[in-house]
Amino acid sequence: MQRVLDAVAWLDSIGSEAPYSRIQVAFVAGYGPTSGGFANILRNLGTAELIAYPGSGAVDVTDDGRATAVGPSTPPTRADLHRRVQEMIDAPIWRCLETLIGSSTQAR
């Protein structure tokens, strides 16, 4: 459960705005968004009133949930974000994404 709360704190730290999609939270926490284990964790967090569901497929964290979540000590940089994504996806997908990232930075 802590890993899911920490994922929300991490999303907060990069400037994302809640509520988050179930897919975002699962991805950052390292779960499959449709896995039974992730569903059970969300259910338990909801029962403990640490998260809420403001809409279909959306997850928000209550004040108590935010107080329990542990975020990064300093806001992540763009490189930190890229590194985090790289850790979470397969190498061939990362190589394609890395090419797109490089193309978008060169276009600026």
PDB file of N, CA and C in Angstrom:
ATOM      1  N   MET A   1       0.823  -1.187   0.000  1.00  0.00           N
ATOM      2  CA  MET A   1       0.000   0.000   0.000  1.00  0.00           C
ATOM      3  C   MET A   1       0.871   1.258   0.000  1.00  0.00           C
ATOM      4  N   GLN A   2       1.974   1.190   0.709  1.00  0.00           N
ATOM      5  CA  GLN A   2       2.860   2.353   0.783  1.00  0.00           C
ATOM      6  C   GLN A   2       3.419   2.706  -0.595  1.00  0.00           C
ATOM      7  N   ARG A   3       3.714   1.684  -1.369  1.00  0.00           N
ATOM      8  CA  ARG A   3       4.276   1.919  -2.705  1.00  0.00           C
ATOM      9  C   ARG A   3       3.313   2.713  -3.581  1.00  0.00           C
ATOM     10  N   VAL A   4       2.029   2.468  -3.456  1.00  0.00           N
ATOM     11  CA  VAL A   4       1.029   3.198  -4.239  1.00  0.00           C
ATOM     12  C   VAL A   4       0.934   4.640  -3.743  1.00  0.00           C
ATOM     13  N   LEU A   5       0.917   4.841  -2.442  1.00  0.00           N
ATOM     14  CA  LEU A   5       0.886   6.206  -1.897  1.00  0.00           C
ATOM     15  C   LEU A   5       2.142   6.977  -2.304  1.00  0.00           C
ATOM     16  N   ASP A   6       3.280   6.308  -2.258  1.00  0.00           N
ATOM     17  CA  ASP A   6       4.536   6.955  -2.659  1.00  0.00           C
ATOM     18  C   ASP A   6       4.531   7.311  -4.143  1.00  0.00           C
ATOM     19  N   ALA A   7       3.878   6.476  -4.951  1.00  0.00           N
ATOM     20  CA  ALA A   7       3.775   6.769  -6.388  1.00  0.00           C
ATOM     21  C   ALA A   7       3.001   8.065  -6.602  1.00  0.00           C
ATOM     22  N   VAL A   8       1.954   8.261  -5.829  1.00  0.00           N
ATOM     23  CA  VAL A   8       1.182   9.501  -5.941  1.00  0.00           C
ATOM     24  C   VAL A   8       2.025  10.695  -5.501  1.00  0.00           C
ATOM     25  N   ALA A   9       2.794  10.535  -4.439  1.00  0.00           N
ATOM     26  CA  ALA A   9       3.682  11.618  -3.985  1.00  0.00           C
ATOM     27  C   ALA A   9       4.706  11.944  -5.066  1.00  0.00           C
ATOM     28  N   TRP A  10       5.196  10.929  -5.754  1.00  0.00           N
ATOM     29  CA  TRP A  10       6.162  11.144  -6.833  1.00  0.00           C
ATOM     30  C   TRP A  10       5.501  11.906  -7.978  1.00  0.00           C
ATOM     31  N   LEU A  11       4.278  11.513  -8.344  1.00  0.00           N
ATOM     32  CA  LEU A  11       3.555  12.221  -9.395  1.00  0.00           C
ATOM     33  C   LEU A  11       3.328  13.683  -9.001  1.00  0.00           C
ATOM     34  N   ASP A  12       2.980  13.905  -7.744  1.00  0.00           N
ATOM     35  CA  ASP A  12       2.823  15.280  -7.249  1.00  0.00           C
ATOM     36  C   ASP A  12       4.123  16.064  -7.431  1.00  0.00           C
ATOM     37  N   SER A  13       5.245  15.420  -7.136  1.00  0.00           N
ATOM     38  CA  SER A  13       6.540  16.098  -7.143  1.00  0.00           C
ATOM     39  C   SER A  13       6.986  16.522  -8.543  1.00  0.00           C
ATOM     40  N   ILE A  14       6.464  15.862  -9.592  1.00  0.00           N
ATOM     41  CA  ILE A  14       6.850  16.261 -10.947  1.00  0.00           C
ATOM     42  C   ILE A  14       5.865  17.258 -11.544  1.00  0.00           C
ATOM     43  N   GLY A  15       4.926  17.691 -10.727  1.00  0.00           N
ATOM     44  CA  GLY A  15       4.002  18.719 -11.174  1.00  0.00           C
ATOM     45  C   GLY A  15       2.726  18.200 -11.809  1.00  0.00           C
ATOM     46  N   SER A  16       2.492  16.909 -11.743  1.00  0.00           N
ATOM     47  CA  SER A  16       1.232  16.371 -12.246  1.00  0.00           C
ATOM     48  C   SER A  16       0.121  16.804 -11.299  1.00  0.00           C
ATOM     49  N   GLU A  17      -1.076  16.888 -11.830  1.00  0.00           N
ATOM     50  CA  GLU A  17      -2.191  17.323 -11.009  1.00  0.00           C
ATOM     51  C   GLU A  17      -3.161  16.187 -10.763  1.00  0.00           C
ATOM     52  N   ALA A  18      -3.538  16.032  -9.509  1.00  0.00           N
ATOM     53  CA  ALA A  18      -4.518  15.019  -9.130  1.00  0.00           C
ATOM     54  C   ALA A  18      -5.902  15.500  -9.550  1.00  0.00           C
ATOM     55  N   PRO A  19      -6.840  14.626  -9.791  1.00  0.00           N
ATOM     56  CA  PRO A  19      -6.714  13.188  -9.615  1.00  0.00           C
ATOM     57  C   PRO A  19      -5.906  12.560 -10.755  1.00  0.00           C
ATOM     58  N   TYR A  20      -5.305  11.444 -10.437  1.00  0.00           N
ATOM     59  CA  TYR A  20      -4.490  10.713 -11.400  1.00  0.00           C
ATOM     60  C   TYR A  20      -5.289   9.555 -11.960  1.00  0.00           C
ATOM     61  N   SER A  21      -4.916   9.141 -13.150  1.00  0.00           N
ATOM     62  CA  SER A  21      -5.578   7.960 -13.701  1.00  0.00           C
ATOM     63  C   SER A  21      -5.017   6.728 -12.995  1.00  0.00           C
ATOM     64  N   ARG A  22      -5.831   5.728 -12.954  1.00  0.00           N
ATOM     65  CA  ARG A  22      -5.425   4.444 -12.374  1.00  0.00           C
ATOM     66  C   ARG A  22      -4.164   3.931 -13.080  1.00  0.00           C
ATOM     67  N   ILE A  23      -4.082   4.180 -14.391  1.00  0.00           N
ATOM     68  CA  ILE A  23      -2.938   3.729 -15.189  1.00  0.00           C
ATOM     69  C   ILE A  23      -1.666   4.451 -14.746  1.00  0.00           C
ATOM     70  N   GLN A  24      -1.737   5.777 -14.535  1.00  0.00           N
ATOM     71  CA  GLN A  24      -0.565   6.528 -14.077  1.00  0.00           C
ATOM     72  C   GLN A  24      -0.051   5.987 -12.751  1.00  0.00           C
ATOM     73  N   VAL A  25      -0.955   5.823 -11.811  1.00  0.00           N
ATOM     74  CA  VAL A  25      -0.556   5.371 -10.473  1.00  0.00           C
ATOM     75  C   VAL A  25       0.043   3.969 -10.549  1.00  0.00           C
ATOM     76  N   ALA A  26      -0.595   3.079 -11.283  1.00  0.00           N
ATOM     77  CA  ALA A  26      -0.085   1.711 -11.406  1.00  0.00           C
ATOM     78  C   ALA A  26       1.300   1.708 -12.040  1.00  0.00           C
ATOM     79  N   PHE A  27       1.478   2.488 -13.104  1.00  0.00           N
ATOM     80  CA  PHE A  27       2.757   2.536 -13.807  1.00  0.00           C
ATOM     81  C   PHE A  27       3.879   2.983 -12.878  1.00  0.00           C
ATOM     82  N   VAL A  28       3.667   4.094 -12.187  1.00  0.00           N
ATOM     83  CA  VAL A  28       4.715   4.622 -11.313  1.00  0.00           C
ATOM     84  C   VAL A  28       4.965   3.688 -10.125  1.00  0.00           C
ATOM     85  N   ALA A  29       3.928   3.035  -9.644  1.00  0.00           N
ATOM     86  CA  ALA A  29       4.087   2.111  -8.509  1.00  0.00           C
ATOM     87  C   ALA A  29       4.653   0.763  -8.938  1.00  0.00           C
ATOM     88  N   GLY A  30       4.683   0.501 -10.255  1.00  0.00           N
ATOM     89  CA  GLY A  30       5.243  -0.757 -10.737  1.00  0.00           C
ATOM     90  C   GLY A  30       4.248  -1.900 -10.785  1.00  0.00           C
ATOM     91  N   TYR A  31       2.966  -1.584 -10.915  1.00  0.00           N
ATOM     92  CA  TYR A  31       1.923  -2.606 -11.019  1.00  0.00           C
ATOM     93  C   TYR A  31       1.267  -2.543 -12.382  1.00  0.00           C
ATOM     94  N   GLY A  32       0.631  -3.626 -12.768  1.00  0.00           N
ATOM     95  CA  GLY A  32      -0.222  -3.602 -13.948  1.00  0.00           C
ATOM     96  C   GLY A  32      -1.543  -2.960 -13.553  1.00  0.00           C
ATOM     97  N   PRO A  33      -2.064  -2.047 -14.357  1.00  0.00           N
ATOM     98  CA  PRO A  33      -3.274  -1.328 -13.960  1.00  0.00           C
ATOM     99  C   PRO A  33      -4.513  -2.204 -13.828  1.00  0.00           C
ATOM    100  N   THR A  34      -4.486  -3.380 -14.433  1.00  0.00           N
ATOM    101  CA  THR A  34      -5.644  -4.274 -14.329  1.00  0.00           C
ATOM    102  C   THR A  34      -5.353  -5.498 -13.465  1.00  0.00           C
ATOM    103  N   SER A  35      -4.205  -5.511 -12.797  1.00  0.00           N
ATOM    104  CA  SER A  35      -3.862  -6.686 -11.987  1.00  0.00           C
ATOM    105  C   SER A  35      -4.739  -6.752 -10.730  1.00  0.00           C
ATOM    106  N   GLY A  36      -4.994  -7.961 -10.318  1.00  0.00           N
ATOM    107  CA  GLY A  36      -5.789  -8.171  -9.107  1.00  0.00           C
ATOM    108  C   GLY A  36      -5.113  -7.619  -7.873  1.00  0.00           C
ATOM    109  N   GLY A  37      -3.782  -7.755  -7.821  1.00  0.00           N
ATOM    110  CA  GLY A  37      -3.045  -7.244  -6.667  1.00  0.00           C
ATOM    111  C   GLY A  37      -3.189  -5.737  -6.525  1.00  0.00           C
ATOM    112  N   PHE A  38      -3.108  -5.026  -7.663  1.00  0.00           N
ATOM    113  CA  PHE A  38      -3.255  -3.575  -7.636  1.00  0.00           C
ATOM    114  C   PHE A  38      -4.677  -3.202  -7.219  1.00  0.00           C
ATOM    115  N   ALA A  39      -5.651  -3.916  -7.732  1.00  0.00           N
ATOM    116  CA  ALA A  39      -7.051  -3.661  -7.369  1.00  0.00           C
ATOM    117  C   ALA A  39      -7.255  -3.855  -5.865  1.00  0.00           C
ATOM    118  N   ASN A  40      -6.652  -4.899  -5.308  1.00  0.00           N
ATOM    119  CA  ASN A  40      -6.773  -5.142  -3.862  1.00  0.00           C
ATOM    120  C   ASN A  40      -6.137  -4.024  -3.048  1.00  0.00           C
ATOM    121  N   ILE A  41      -4.987  -3.554  -3.503  1.00  0.00           N
ATOM    122  CA  ILE A  41      -4.312  -2.461  -2.796  1.00  0.00           C
ATOM    123  C   ILE A  41      -5.180  -1.212  -2.825  1.00  0.00           C
ATOM    124  N   LEU A  42      -5.737  -0.881  -3.991  1.00  0.00           N
ATOM    125  CA  LEU A  42      -6.615   0.292  -4.075  1.00  0.00           C
ATOM    126  C   LEU A  42      -7.828   0.132  -3.170  1.00  0.00           C
ATOM    127  N   ARG A  43      -8.392  -1.049  -3.156  1.00  0.00           N
ATOM    128  CA  ARG A  43      -9.549  -1.316  -2.288  1.00  0.00           C
ATOM    129  C   ARG A  43      -9.179  -1.100  -0.827  1.00  0.00           C
ATOM    130  N   ASN A  44      -8.028  -1.625  -0.407  1.00  0.00           N
ATOM    131  CA  ASN A  44      -7.587  -1.468   0.981  1.00  0.00           C
ATOM    132  C   ASN A  44      -7.303  -0.008   1.314  1.00  0.00           C
ATOM    133  N   LEU A  45      -6.692   0.720   0.370  1.00  0.00           N
ATOM    134  CA  LEU A  45      -6.428   2.142   0.598  1.00  0.00           C
ATOM    135  C   LEU A  45      -7.733   2.928   0.685  1.00  0.00           C
ATOM    136  N   GLY A  46      -8.718   2.535  -0.107  1.00  0.00           N
ATOM    137  CA  GLY A  46     -10.025   3.187  -0.045  1.00  0.00           C
ATOM    138  C   GLY A  46     -10.726   2.917   1.275  1.00  0.00           C
ATOM    139  N   THR A  47     -10.664   1.665   1.726  1.00  0.00           N
ATOM    140  CA  THR A  47     -11.269   1.302   3.005  1.00  0.00           C
ATOM    141  C   THR A  47     -10.615   2.069   4.153  1.00  0.00           C
ATOM    142  N   ALA A  48      -9.294   2.275   4.052  1.00  0.00           N
ATOM    143  CA  ALA A  48      -8.564   3.018   5.080  1.00  0.00           C
ATOM    144  C   ALA A  48      -8.728   4.535   4.921  1.00  0.00           C
ATOM    145  N   GLU A  49      -9.507   4.937   3.907  1.00  0.00           N
ATOM    146  CA  GLU A  49      -9.759   6.346   3.612  1.00  0.00           C
ATOM    147  C   GLU A  49      -8.484   7.129   3.315  1.00  0.00           C
ATOM    148  N   LEU A  50      -7.537   6.447   2.627  1.00  0.00           N
ATOM    149  CA  LEU A  50      -6.298   7.091   2.208  1.00  0.00           C
ATOM    150  C   LEU A  50      -6.372   7.522   0.746  1.00  0.00           C
ATOM    151  N   ILE A  51      -7.309   6.928   0.001  1.00  0.00           N
ATOM    152  CA  ILE A  51      -7.553   7.359  -1.371  1.00  0.00           C
ATOM    153  C   ILE A  51      -9.054   7.497  -1.585  1.00  0.00           C
ATOM    154  N   ALA A  52      -9.400   8.222  -2.656  1.00  0.00           N
ATOM    155  CA  ALA A  52     -10.797   8.389  -3.056  1.00  0.00           C
ATOM    156  C   ALA A  52     -10.870   8.207  -4.562  1.00  0.00           C
ATOM    157  N   TYR A  53     -12.058   8.006  -5.055  1.00  0.00           N
ATOM    158  CA  TYR A  53     -12.300   7.801  -6.484  1.00  0.00           C
ATOM    159  C   TYR A  53     -13.231   8.905  -6.988  1.00  0.00           C
ATOM    160  N   PRO A  54     -12.678  10.021  -7.458  1.00  0.00           N
ATOM    161  CA  PRO A  54     -13.520  11.142  -7.884  1.00  0.00           C
ATOM    162  C   PRO A  54     -14.228  10.941  -9.222  1.00  0.00           C
ATOM    163  N   GLY A  55     -13.842   9.923  -9.965  1.00  0.00           N
ATOM    164  CA  GLY A  55     -14.481   9.655 -11.255  1.00  0.00           C
ATOM    165  C   GLY A  55     -14.040   8.314 -11.780  1.00  0.00           C
ATOM    166  N   SER A  56     -14.598   7.926 -12.888  1.00  0.00           N
ATOM    167  CA  SER A  56     -14.281   6.638 -13.488  1.00  0.00           C
ATOM    168  C   SER A  56     -12.797   6.551 -13.855  1.00  0.00           C
ATOM    169  N   GLY A  57     -12.118   5.571 -13.295  1.00  0.00           N
ATOM    170  CA  GLY A  57     -10.704   5.355 -13.589  1.00  0.00           C
ATOM    171  C   GLY A  57      -9.769   6.354 -12.939  1.00  0.00           C
ATOM    172  N   ALA A  58     -10.298   7.221 -12.075  1.00  0.00           N
ATOM    173  CA  ALA A  58      -9.476   8.251 -11.431  1.00  0.00           C
ATOM    174  C   ALA A  58      -9.201   7.880  -9.976  1.00  0.00           C
ATOM    175  N   VAL A  59      -8.008   8.254  -9.526  1.00  0.00           N
ATOM    176  CA  VAL A  59      -7.591   7.995  -8.153  1.00  0.00           C
ATOM    177  C   VAL A  59      -7.092   9.310  -7.569  1.00  0.00           C
ATOM    178  N   ASP A  60      -7.567   9.643  -6.397  1.00  0.00           N
ATOM    179  CA  ASP A  60      -7.071  10.820  -5.693  1.00  0.00           C
ATOM    180  C   ASP A  60      -6.688  10.383  -4.295  1.00  0.00           C
ATOM    181  N   VAL A  61      -5.798  11.120  -3.698  1.00  0.00           N
ATOM    182  CA  VAL A  61      -5.325  10.781  -2.361  1.00  0.00           C
ATOM    183  C   VAL A  61      -5.941  11.764  -1.372  1.00  0.00           C
ATOM    184  N   THR A  62      -6.403  11.241  -0.267  1.00  0.00           N
ATOM    185  CA  THR A  62      -6.976  12.090   0.771  1.00  0.00           C
ATOM    186  C   THR A  62      -5.851  12.804   1.515  1.00  0.00           C
ATOM    187  N   ASP A  63      -6.202  13.730   2.365  1.00  0.00           N
ATOM    188  CA  ASP A  63      -5.188  14.423   3.171  1.00  0.00           C
ATOM    189  C   ASP A  63      -4.413  13.430   4.032  1.00  0.00           C
ATOM    190  N   ASP A  64      -5.119  12.447   4.606  1.00  0.00           N
ATOM    191  CA  ASP A  64      -4.429  11.423   5.411  1.00  0.00           C
ATOM    192  C   ASP A  64      -3.486  10.591   4.536  1.00  0.00           C
ATOM    193  N   GLY A  65      -3.902  10.301   3.308  1.00  0.00           N
ATOM    194  CA  GLY A  65      -3.053   9.546   2.388  1.00  0.00           C
ATOM    195  C   GLY A  65      -1.803  10.324   2.022  1.00  0.00           C
ATOM    196  N   ARG A  66      -1.956  11.624   1.769  1.00  0.00           N
ATOM    197  CA  ARG A  66      -0.794  12.460   1.442  1.00  0.00           C
ATOM    198  C   ARG A  66       0.159  12.550   2.632  1.00  0.00           C
ATOM    199  N   ALA A  67      -0.392  12.592   3.834  1.00  0.00           N
ATOM    200  CA  ALA A  67       0.450  12.654   5.033  1.00  0.00           C
ATOM    201  C   ALA A  67       1.237  11.355   5.214  1.00  0.00           C
ATOM    202  N   THR A  68       0.713  10.257   4.720  1.00  0.00           N
ATOM    203  CA  THR A  68       1.357   8.952   4.843  1.00  0.00           C
ATOM    204  C   THR A  68       2.355   8.695   3.714  1.00  0.00           C
ATOM    205  N   ALA A  69       2.132   9.338   2.567  1.00  0.00           N
ATOM    206  CA  ALA A  69       2.985   9.127   1.393  1.00  0.00           C
ATOM    207  C   ALA A  69       4.368   9.735   1.596  1.00  0.00           C
ATOM    208  N   VAL A  70       5.363   9.075   1.014  1.00  0.00           N
ATOM    209  CA  VAL A  70       6.739   9.566   1.075  1.00  0.00           C
ATOM    210  C   VAL A  70       7.181   9.908  -0.344  1.00  0.00           C
ATOM    211  N   GLY A  71       7.421  11.182  -0.571  1.00  0.00           N
ATOM    212  CA  GLY A  71       7.861  11.625  -1.886  1.00  0.00           C
ATOM    213  C   GLY A  71       9.358  11.842  -1.905  1.00  0.00           C
ATOM    214  N   PRO A  72       9.891  12.187  -3.069  1.00  0.00           N
ATOM    215  CA  PRO A  72      11.328  12.451  -3.162  1.00  0.00           C
ATOM    216  C   PRO A  72      11.709  13.692  -2.348  1.00  0.00           C
ATOM    217  N   SER A  73      12.942  13.711  -1.845  1.00  0.00           N
ATOM    218  CA  SER A  73      13.390  14.829  -1.010  1.00  0.00           C
ATOM    219  C   SER A  73      13.575  16.111  -1.823  1.00  0.00           C
ATOM    220  N   THR A  74      13.875  15.983  -3.108  1.00  0.00           N
ATOM    221  CA  THR A  74      13.955  17.140  -4.002  1.00  0.00           C
ATOM    222  C   THR A  74      13.142  16.823  -5.251  1.00  0.00           C
ATOM    223  N   PRO A  75      12.575  17.838  -5.883  1.00  0.00           N
ATOM    224  CA  PRO A  75      11.790  17.570  -7.096  1.00  0.00           C
ATOM    225  C   PRO A  75      12.646  16.897  -8.167  1.00  0.00           C
ATOM    226  N   PRO A  76      12.114  15.864  -8.798  1.00  0.00           N
ATOM    227  CA  PRO A  76      12.869  15.177  -9.840  1.00  0.00           C
ATOM    228  C   PRO A  76      13.113  16.097 -11.046  1.00  0.00           C
ATOM    229  N   THR A  77      14.254  15.912 -11.674  1.00  0.00           N
ATOM    230  CA  THR A  77      14.586  16.644 -12.900  1.00  0.00           C
ATOM    231  C   THR A  77      13.991  15.892 -14.089  1.00  0.00           C
ATOM    232  N   ARG A  78      14.089  16.481 -15.254  1.00  0.00           N
ATOM    233  CA  ARG A  78      13.637  15.806 -16.473  1.00  0.00           C
ATOM    234  C   ARG A  78      14.419  14.503 -16.660  1.00  0.00           C
ATOM    235  N   ALA A  79      15.724  14.541 -16.388  1.00  0.00           N
ATOM    236  CA  ALA A  79      16.548  13.325 -16.518  1.00  0.00           C
ATOM    237  C   ALA A  79      16.081  12.260 -15.526  1.00  0.00           C
ATOM    238  N   ASP A  80      15.702  12.674 -14.316  1.00  0.00           N
ATOM    239  CA  ASP A  80      15.173  11.721 -13.333  1.00  0.00           C
ATOM    240  C   ASP A  80      13.889  11.080 -13.840  1.00  0.00           C
ATOM    241  N   LEU A  81      13.033  11.896 -14.445  1.00  0.00           N
ATOM    242  CA  LEU A  81      11.781  11.377 -15.001  1.00  0.00           C
ATOM    243  C   LEU A  81      12.073  10.362 -16.098  1.00  0.00           C
ATOM    244  N   HIS A  82      12.997  10.689 -16.988  1.00  0.00           N
ATOM    245  CA  HIS A  82      13.346   9.762 -18.067  1.00  0.00           C
ATOM    246  C   HIS A  82      13.920   8.465 -17.502  1.00  0.00           C
ATOM    247  N   ARG A  83      14.782   8.583 -16.496  1.00  0.00           N
ATOM    248  CA  ARG A  83      15.373   7.397 -15.869  1.00  0.00           C
ATOM    249  C   ARG A  83      14.282   6.522 -15.241  1.00  0.00           C
ATOM    250  N   ARG A  84      13.323   7.161 -14.587  1.00  0.00           N
ATOM    251  CA  ARG A  84      12.241   6.414 -13.934  1.00  0.00           C
ATOM    252  C   ARG A  84      11.419   5.652 -14.973  1.00  0.00           C
ATOM    253  N   VAL A  85      11.111   6.312 -16.076  1.00  0.00           N
ATOM    254  CA  VAL A  85      10.343   5.657 -17.136  1.00  0.00           C
ATOM    255  C   VAL A  85      11.150   4.510 -17.722  1.00  0.00           C
ATOM    256  N   GLN A  86      12.444   4.737 -17.936  1.00  0.00           N
ATOM    257  CA  GLN A  86      13.303   3.689 -18.501  1.00  0.00           C
ATOM    258  C   GLN A  86      13.310   2.445 -17.612  1.00  0.00           C
ATOM    259  N   GLU A  87      13.289   2.642 -16.303  1.00  0.00           N
ATOM    260  CA  GLU A  87      13.278   1.510 -15.368  1.00  0.00           C
ATOM    261  C   GLU A  87      11.985   0.701 -15.460  1.00  0.00           C
ATOM    262  N   MET A  88      10.927   1.323 -15.940  1.00  0.00           N
ATOM    263  CA  MET A  88       9.613   0.700 -15.898  1.00  0.00           C
ATOM    264  C   MET A  88       9.166   0.052 -17.198  1.00  0.00           C
ATOM    265  N   ILE A  89       9.916   0.278 -18.277  1.00  0.00           N
ATOM    266  CA  ILE A  89       9.475  -0.283 -19.554  1.00  0.00           C
ATOM    267  C   ILE A  89      10.554  -1.174 -20.150  1.00  0.00           C
ATOM    268  N   ASP A  90      10.154  -1.989 -21.092  1.00  0.00           N
ATOM    269  CA  ASP A  90      11.088  -2.900 -21.761  1.00  0.00           C
ATOM    270  C   ASP A  90      12.092  -2.112 -22.602  1.00  0.00           C
ATOM    271  N   ALA A  91      13.288  -2.669 -22.733  1.00  0.00           N
ATOM    272  CA  ALA A  91      14.374  -2.003 -23.451  1.00  0.00           C
ATOM    273  C   ALA A  91      14.003  -1.595 -24.886  1.00  0.00           C
ATOM    274  N   PRO A  92      13.358  -2.450 -25.695  1.00  0.00           N
ATOM    275  CA  PRO A  92      13.025  -2.018 -27.060  1.00  0.00           C
ATOM    276  C   PRO A  92      12.071  -0.811 -27.076  1.00  0.00           C
ATOM    277  N   ILE A  93      11.128  -0.794 -26.165  1.00  0.00           N
ATOM    278  CA  ILE A  93      10.202   0.337 -26.090  1.00  0.00           C
ATOM    279  C   ILE A  93      10.955   1.585 -25.656  1.00  0.00           C
ATOM    280  N   TRP A  94      11.875   1.437 -24.709  1.00  0.00           N
ATOM    281  CA  TRP A  94      12.665   2.589 -24.267  1.00  0.00           C
ATOM    282  C   TRP A  94      13.491   3.168 -25.416  1.00  0.00           C
ATOM    283  N   ARG A  95      14.082   2.310 -26.228  1.00  0.00           N
ATOM    284  CA  ARG A  95      14.898   2.811 -27.349  1.00  0.00           C
ATOM    285  C   ARG A  95      14.052   3.652 -28.299  1.00  0.00           C
ATOM    286  N   CYS A  96      12.836   3.220 -28.566  1.00  0.00           N
ATOM    287  CA  CYS A  96      11.933   4.014 -29.420  1.00  0.00           C
ATOM    288  C   CYS A  96      11.585   5.333 -28.739  1.00  0.00           C
ATOM    289  N   LEU A  97      11.255   5.273 -27.478  1.00  0.00           N
ATOM    290  CA  LEU A  97      10.892   6.485 -26.736  1.00  0.00           C
ATOM    291  C   LEU A  97      12.073   7.436 -26.634  1.00  0.00           C
ATOM    292  N   GLU A  98      13.244   6.890 -26.416  1.00  0.00           N
ATOM    293  CA  GLU A  98      14.457   7.711 -26.305  1.00  0.00           C
ATOM    294  C   GLU A  98      14.703   8.481 -27.610  1.00  0.00           C
ATOM    295  N   THR A  99      14.446   7.833 -28.730  1.00  0.00           N
ATOM    296  CA  THR A  99      14.591   8.497 -30.027  1.00  0.00           C
ATOM    297  C   THR A  99      13.601   9.658 -30.130  1.00  0.00           C
ATOM    298  N   LEU A 100      12.377   9.430 -29.696  1.00  0.00           N
ATOM    299  CA  LEU A 100      11.359  10.492 -29.733  1.00  0.00           C
ATOM    300  C   LEU A 100      11.738  11.639 -28.792  1.00  0.00           C
ATOM    301  N   ILE A 101      12.243  11.296 -27.625  1.00  0.00           N
ATOM    302  CA  ILE A 101      12.666  12.324 -26.658  1.00  0.00           C
ATOM    303  C   ILE A 101      13.787  13.171 -27.279  1.00  0.00           C
ATOM    304  N   GLY A 102      14.752  12.509 -27.886  1.00  0.00           N
ATOM    305  CA  GLY A 102      15.857  13.212 -28.528  1.00  0.00           C
ATOM    306  C   GLY A 102      15.387  14.117 -29.653  1.00  0.00           C
ATOM    307  N   SER A 103      14.423  13.634 -30.423  1.00  0.00           N
ATOM    308  CA  SER A 103      13.889  14.438 -31.526  1.00  0.00           C
ATOM    309  C   SER A 103      13.166  15.666 -31.005  1.00  0.00           C
ATOM    310  N   SER A 104      12.419  15.526 -29.923  1.00  0.00           N
ATOM    311  CA  SER A 104      11.658  16.667 -29.408  1.00  0.00           C
ATOM    312  C   SER A 104      12.585  17.693 -28.770  1.00  0.00           C
ATOM    313  N   THR A 105      13.701  17.263 -28.188  1.00  0.00           N
ATOM    314  CA  THR A 105      14.630  18.222 -27.575  1.00  0.00           C
ATOM    315  C   THR A 105      15.405  18.978 -28.659  1.00  0.00           C
ATOM    316  N   GLN A 106      15.706  18.297 -29.741  1.00  0.00           N
ATOM    317  CA  GLN A 106      16.442  18.952 -30.829  1.00  0.00           C
ATOM    318  C   GLN A 106      15.568  19.967 -31.565  1.00  0.00           C
ATOM    319  N   ALA A 107      14.259  19.751 -31.552  1.00  0.00           N
ATOM    320  CA  ALA A 107      13.340  20.645 -32.261  1.00  0.00           C
ATOM    321  C   ALA A 107      13.170  21.988 -31.528  1.00  0.00           C
ATOM    322  N   ARG A 108      13.587  22.065 -30.289  1.00  0.00           N
ATOM    323  CA  ARG A 108      13.396  23.282 -29.509  1.00  0.00           C
ATOM    324  C   ARG A 108      14.406  24.315 -29.827  1.00  0.00           C
TER     325      ARG A 108
END
